C-alpha atoms as a PDB file:
ATOM      1  CA  MET A   1     -12.833 -14.059 -12.310  1.00  0.00           C
ATOM      2  CA  ASN A   2     -15.322 -11.329 -11.435  1.00  0.00           C
ATOM      3  CA  ASP A   3     -15.365  -7.558 -11.024  1.00  0.00           C
ATOM      4  CA  PHE A   4     -14.140  -7.677  -7.437  1.00  0.00           C
ATOM      5  CA  ASP A   5     -11.014  -9.816  -7.914  1.00  0.00           C
ATOM      6  CA  GLY A   6      -8.769  -7.033  -9.217  1.00  0.00           C
ATOM      7  CA  ALA A   7      -9.777  -4.586  -6.495  1.00  0.00           C
ATOM      8  CA  ILE A   8      -9.380  -7.245  -3.802  1.00  0.00           C
ATOM      9  CA  ARG A   9      -5.885  -8.050  -5.103  1.00  0.00           C
ATOM     10  CA  GLN A  10      -4.947  -4.338  -5.103  1.00  0.00           C
ATOM     11  CA  THR A  11      -6.121  -3.803  -1.531  1.00  0.00           C
ATOM     12  CA  ARG A  12      -4.207  -6.891  -0.446  1.00  0.00           C
ATOM     13  CA  ILE A  13      -1.013  -5.592  -2.070  1.00  0.00           C
ATOM     14  CA  ALA A  14      -1.544  -2.148  -0.509  1.00  0.00           C
ATOM     15  CA  ALA A  15      -2.108  -3.651   2.948  1.00  0.00           C
ATOM     16  CA  VAL A  16       0.975  -5.874   2.796  1.00  0.00           C
ATOM     17  CA  ALA A  17       3.141  -3.063   1.358  1.00  0.00           C
ATOM     18  CA  SER A  18       2.103  -0.544   4.003  1.00  0.00           C
ATOM     19  CA  LEU A  19       2.581  -3.097   6.803  1.00  0.00           C
ATOM     20  CA  VAL A  20       6.063  -3.981   5.547  1.00  0.00           C
ATOM     21  CA  GLY A  21       6.732  -0.242   5.203  1.00  0.00           C
ATOM     22  CA  LEU A  22       5.763   0.321   8.841  1.00  0.00           C
ATOM     23  CA  ILE A  23       8.033  -2.507   9.983  1.00  0.00           C
ATOM     24  CA  LEU A  24      11.013  -1.246   7.989  1.00  0.00           C
ATOM     25  CA  LEU A  25      10.393   2.371   9.010  1.00  0.00           C
ATOM     26  CA  GLY A  26      10.176   1.452  12.684  1.00  0.00           C
ATOM     27  CA  LEU A  27      13.438  -0.483  12.569  1.00  0.00           C
ATOM     28  CA  ALA A  28      15.320   2.134  10.566  1.00  0.00           C
ATOM     29  CA  TRP A  29      13.946   4.979  12.689  1.00  0.00           C
ATOM     30  CA  GLU A  30      14.875   3.512  16.073  1.00  0.00           C
ATOM     31  CA  LEU A  31      18.156   1.874  15.064  1.00  0.00           C
ATOM     32  CA  ALA A  32      19.744   4.360  12.660  1.00  0.00           C
ATOM     33  CA  LEU A  33      17.805   7.369  11.355  1.00  0.00           C
ATOM     34  CA  ALA A  34      16.659   9.110  14.553  1.00  0.00           C
ATOM     35  CA  PRO A  35      16.982   6.843  17.587  1.00  0.00           C
ATOM     36  CA  ILE A  36      16.010   8.134  21.013  1.00  0.00           C
ATOM     37  CA  LYS A  37      19.454   7.142  22.311  1.00  0.00           C
ATOM     38  CA  PRO A  38      22.638   7.317  20.227  1.00  0.00           C
ATOM     39  CA  GLY A  39      23.462   3.945  18.724  1.00  0.00           C
ATOM     40  CA  GLY A  40      19.851   2.753  18.694  1.00  0.00           C
ATOM     41  CA  SER A  41      17.338   1.846  21.331  1.00  0.00           C
ATOM     42  CA  LEU A  42      15.155  -1.018  22.427  1.00  0.00           C
ATOM     43  CA  LEU A  43      12.202   0.999  21.146  1.00  0.00           C
ATOM     44  CA  ALA A  44      12.904  -0.808  17.862  1.00  0.00           C
ATOM     45  CA  LEU A  45      11.051  -3.732  19.439  1.00  0.00           C
ATOM     46  CA  LYS A  46       7.832  -1.774  18.887  1.00  0.00           C
ATOM     47  CA  VAL A  47       7.672  -3.359  15.423  1.00  0.00           C
ATOM     48  CA  ALA A  48       7.422  -6.892  16.835  1.00  0.00           C
ATOM     49  CA  PRO A  49       3.594  -6.807  17.055  1.00  0.00           C
ATOM     50  CA  LEU A  50       3.509  -5.689  13.409  1.00  0.00           C
ATOM     51  CA  CYS A  51       5.370  -8.842  12.353  1.00  0.00           C
ATOM     52  CA  LEU A  52       2.625 -11.108  13.709  1.00  0.00           C
ATOM     53  CA  PRO A  53      -0.109 -10.190  11.187  1.00  0.00           C
ATOM     54  CA  LEU A  54       2.205 -10.325   8.177  1.00  0.00           C
ATOM     55  CA  ALA A  55       1.688 -14.067   7.692  1.00  0.00           C
ATOM     56  CA  GLY A  56      -2.090 -13.692   8.006  1.00  0.00           C
ATOM     57  CA  LEU A  57      -2.178 -10.934   5.393  1.00  0.00           C
ATOM     58  CA  LEU A  58      -0.016 -12.990   3.044  1.00  0.00           C
ATOM     59  CA  LYS A  59      -2.359 -15.962   3.541  1.00  0.00           C
ATOM     60  CA  ASN A  60      -5.327 -13.633   2.873  1.00  0.00           C
ATOM     61  CA  ARG A  61      -7.058 -14.360   6.180  1.00  0.00           C
ATOM     62  CA  MET A  62     -10.068 -12.114   6.667  1.00  0.00           C
ATOM     63  CA  TYR A  63      -9.751 -12.128  10.470  1.00  0.00           C
ATOM     64  CA  THR A  64      -6.237 -10.707  10.226  1.00  0.00           C
ATOM     65  CA  TYR A  65      -7.377  -7.795   8.069  1.00  0.00           C
ATOM     66  CA  ARG A  66     -10.004  -6.986  10.685  1.00  0.00           C
ATOM     67  CA  TRP A  67      -7.756  -6.903  13.727  1.00  0.00           C
ATOM     68  CA  VAL A  68      -4.876  -5.167  11.921  1.00  0.00           C
ATOM     69  CA  SER A  69      -7.260  -2.314  11.142  1.00  0.00           C
ATOM     70  CA  LEU A  70      -7.587  -1.878  14.924  1.00  0.00           C
ATOM     71  CA  LEU A  71      -3.934  -2.489  15.851  1.00  0.00           C
ATOM     72  CA  VAL A  72      -2.729   0.172  13.434  1.00  0.00           C
ATOM     73  CA  TRP A  73      -4.308   2.963  15.520  1.00  0.00           C
ATOM     74  CA  ILE A  74      -1.712   2.420  18.261  1.00  0.00           C
ATOM     75  CA  TYR A  75       1.046   3.227  15.761  1.00  0.00           C
ATOM     76  CA  PHE A  76      -0.985   6.099  14.326  1.00  0.00           C
ATOM     77  CA  THR A  77      -1.206   7.616  17.819  1.00  0.00           C
ATOM     78  CA  GLU A  78       2.526   7.221  18.361  1.00  0.00           C
ATOM     79  CA  GLY A  79       3.170   8.901  15.022  1.00  0.00           C
ATOM     80  CA  VAL A  80       0.925  11.867  15.815  1.00  0.00           C
ATOM     81  CA  VAL A  81       2.492  12.360  19.259  1.00  0.00           C
ATOM     82  CA  ARG A  82       6.045  12.103  17.959  1.00  0.00           C
ATOM     83  CA  ALA A  83       5.316  14.311  14.942  1.00  0.00           C
ATOM     84  CA  TRP A  84       4.273  16.996  17.414  1.00  0.00           C
ATOM     85  CA  SER A  85       7.028  16.456  20.006  1.00  0.00           C
ATOM     86  CA  ASP A  86      10.160  15.152  18.220  1.00  0.00           C
ATOM     87  CA  ARG A  87      12.732  17.282  16.481  1.00  0.00           C
ATOM     88  CA  PRO A  88      13.738  16.753  12.859  1.00  0.00           C
ATOM     89  CA  PRO A  89      14.257  14.200  11.422  1.00  0.00           C
ATOM     90  CA  GLY A  90      12.165  12.285  13.973  1.00  0.00           C
ATOM     91  CA  ASN A  91       9.079  14.401  13.372  1.00  0.00           C
ATOM     92  CA  TRP A  92       9.267  13.754   9.614  1.00  0.00           C
ATOM     93  CA  LEU A  93       9.615  10.034  10.206  1.00  0.00           C
ATOM     94  CA  ALA A  94       6.595  10.232  12.497  1.00  0.00           C
ATOM     95  CA  LEU A  95       4.569  11.891   9.737  1.00  0.00           C
ATOM     96  CA  LEU A  96       5.620   9.091   7.396  1.00  0.00           C
ATOM     97  CA  GLU A  97       4.438   6.610  10.037  1.00  0.00           C
ATOM     98  CA  VAL A  98       1.073   8.390  10.200  1.00  0.00           C
ATOM     99  CA  GLY A  99       0.757   8.168   6.406  1.00  0.00           C
ATOM    100  CA  LEU A 100       1.606   4.470   6.355  1.00  0.00           C
ATOM    101  CA  CYS A 101      -0.883   3.813   9.155  1.00  0.00           C
ATOM    102  CA  LEU A 102      -3.643   5.578   7.242  1.00  0.00           C
ATOM    103  CA  ALA A 103      -2.767   3.649   4.100  1.00  0.00           C
ATOM    104  CA  LEU A 104      -2.826   0.349   6.020  1.00  0.00           C
ATOM    105  CA  PHE A 105      -6.161   1.143   7.646  1.00  0.00           C
ATOM    106  CA  VAL A 106      -7.806   2.154   4.363  1.00  0.00           C
ATOM    107  CA  ALA A 107      -6.407  -0.899   2.552  1.00  0.00           C
ATOM    108  CA  CYS A 108      -7.632  -3.286   5.276  1.00  0.00           C
ATOM    109  CA  ALA A 109     -11.061  -1.662   5.525  1.00  0.00           C
ATOM    110  CA  LEU A 110     -11.539  -1.707   1.751  1.00  0.00           C
ATOM    111  CA  HIS A 111     -10.288  -5.271   1.519  1.00  0.00           C
ATOM    112  CA  VAL A 112     -12.793  -6.503   4.096  1.00  0.00           C
ATOM    113  CA  ARG A 113     -15.617  -4.527   2.508  1.00  0.00           C
ATOM    114  CA  LEU A 114     -14.839  -5.777  -1.000  1.00  0.00           C
ATOM    115  CA  ARG A 115     -14.596  -9.384   0.125  1.00  0.00           C
ATOM    116  CA  PHE A 116     -17.966  -9.153   1.859  1.00  0.00           C
ATOM    117  CA  LYS A 117     -19.525  -7.601  -1.236  1.00  0.00           C
ATOM    118  CA  ASN A 118     -17.928 -10.302  -3.382  1.00  0.00           C
ATOM    119  CA  ALA A 119     -19.357 -13.019  -1.132  1.00  0.00           C
ATOM    120  CA  GLN A 120     -22.809 -11.423  -1.287  1.00  0.00           C
ATOM    121  CA  HIS A 121     -22.532 -11.105  -5.064  1.00  0.00           C
ATOM    122  CA  GLN A 122     -21.580 -14.763  -5.429  1.00  0.00           C
ATOM    123  CA  THR A 123     -24.397 -16.002  -3.170  1.00  0.00           C
ATOM    124  CA  ALA A 124     -26.923 -13.769  -4.954  1.00  0.00           C
ATOM    125  CA  GLY A 125     -25.966 -15.373  -8.260  1.00  0.00           C
ATOM    126  CA  THR A 126     -26.508 -18.945  -7.084  1.00  0.00           C
ATOM    127  CA  PRO A 127     -29.999 -20.448  -7.058  1.00  0.00           C
ATOM    128  CA  GLN A 128     -31.560 -20.863  -3.622  1.00  0.00           C
ATOM    129  CA  THR A 129     -32.694 -24.359  -2.638  1.00  0.00           C
ATOM    130  CA  GLN A 130     -35.731 -24.860  -0.461  1.00  0.00           C
END
């Protein structure tokens, strides 16, 4: 175990937690807390693309961390627009969505960066063969 393992584990936990938080928030928001139509709306399906990377994050796949850090900006944009245009409580839920998106992006970016540094550190410590 090296210096990077603990930080890598923490960023992985943060990424998975914020992704699960976005999924649960999206479902609760559109089905119960502040749906666009009374009784819920099909807008709850917006969380379906967020369910796809969950398995990749749990399996610690580097590629998934990379593309999730791009996908999250779609939800960030929705959160900013709805924070500005929705009425309470929808605007507060949108601000929570923005916060979760930022947390997910930072966790994914740090995770990728730390894993690259860890790989460089491990290859620097091994003798080179010629």
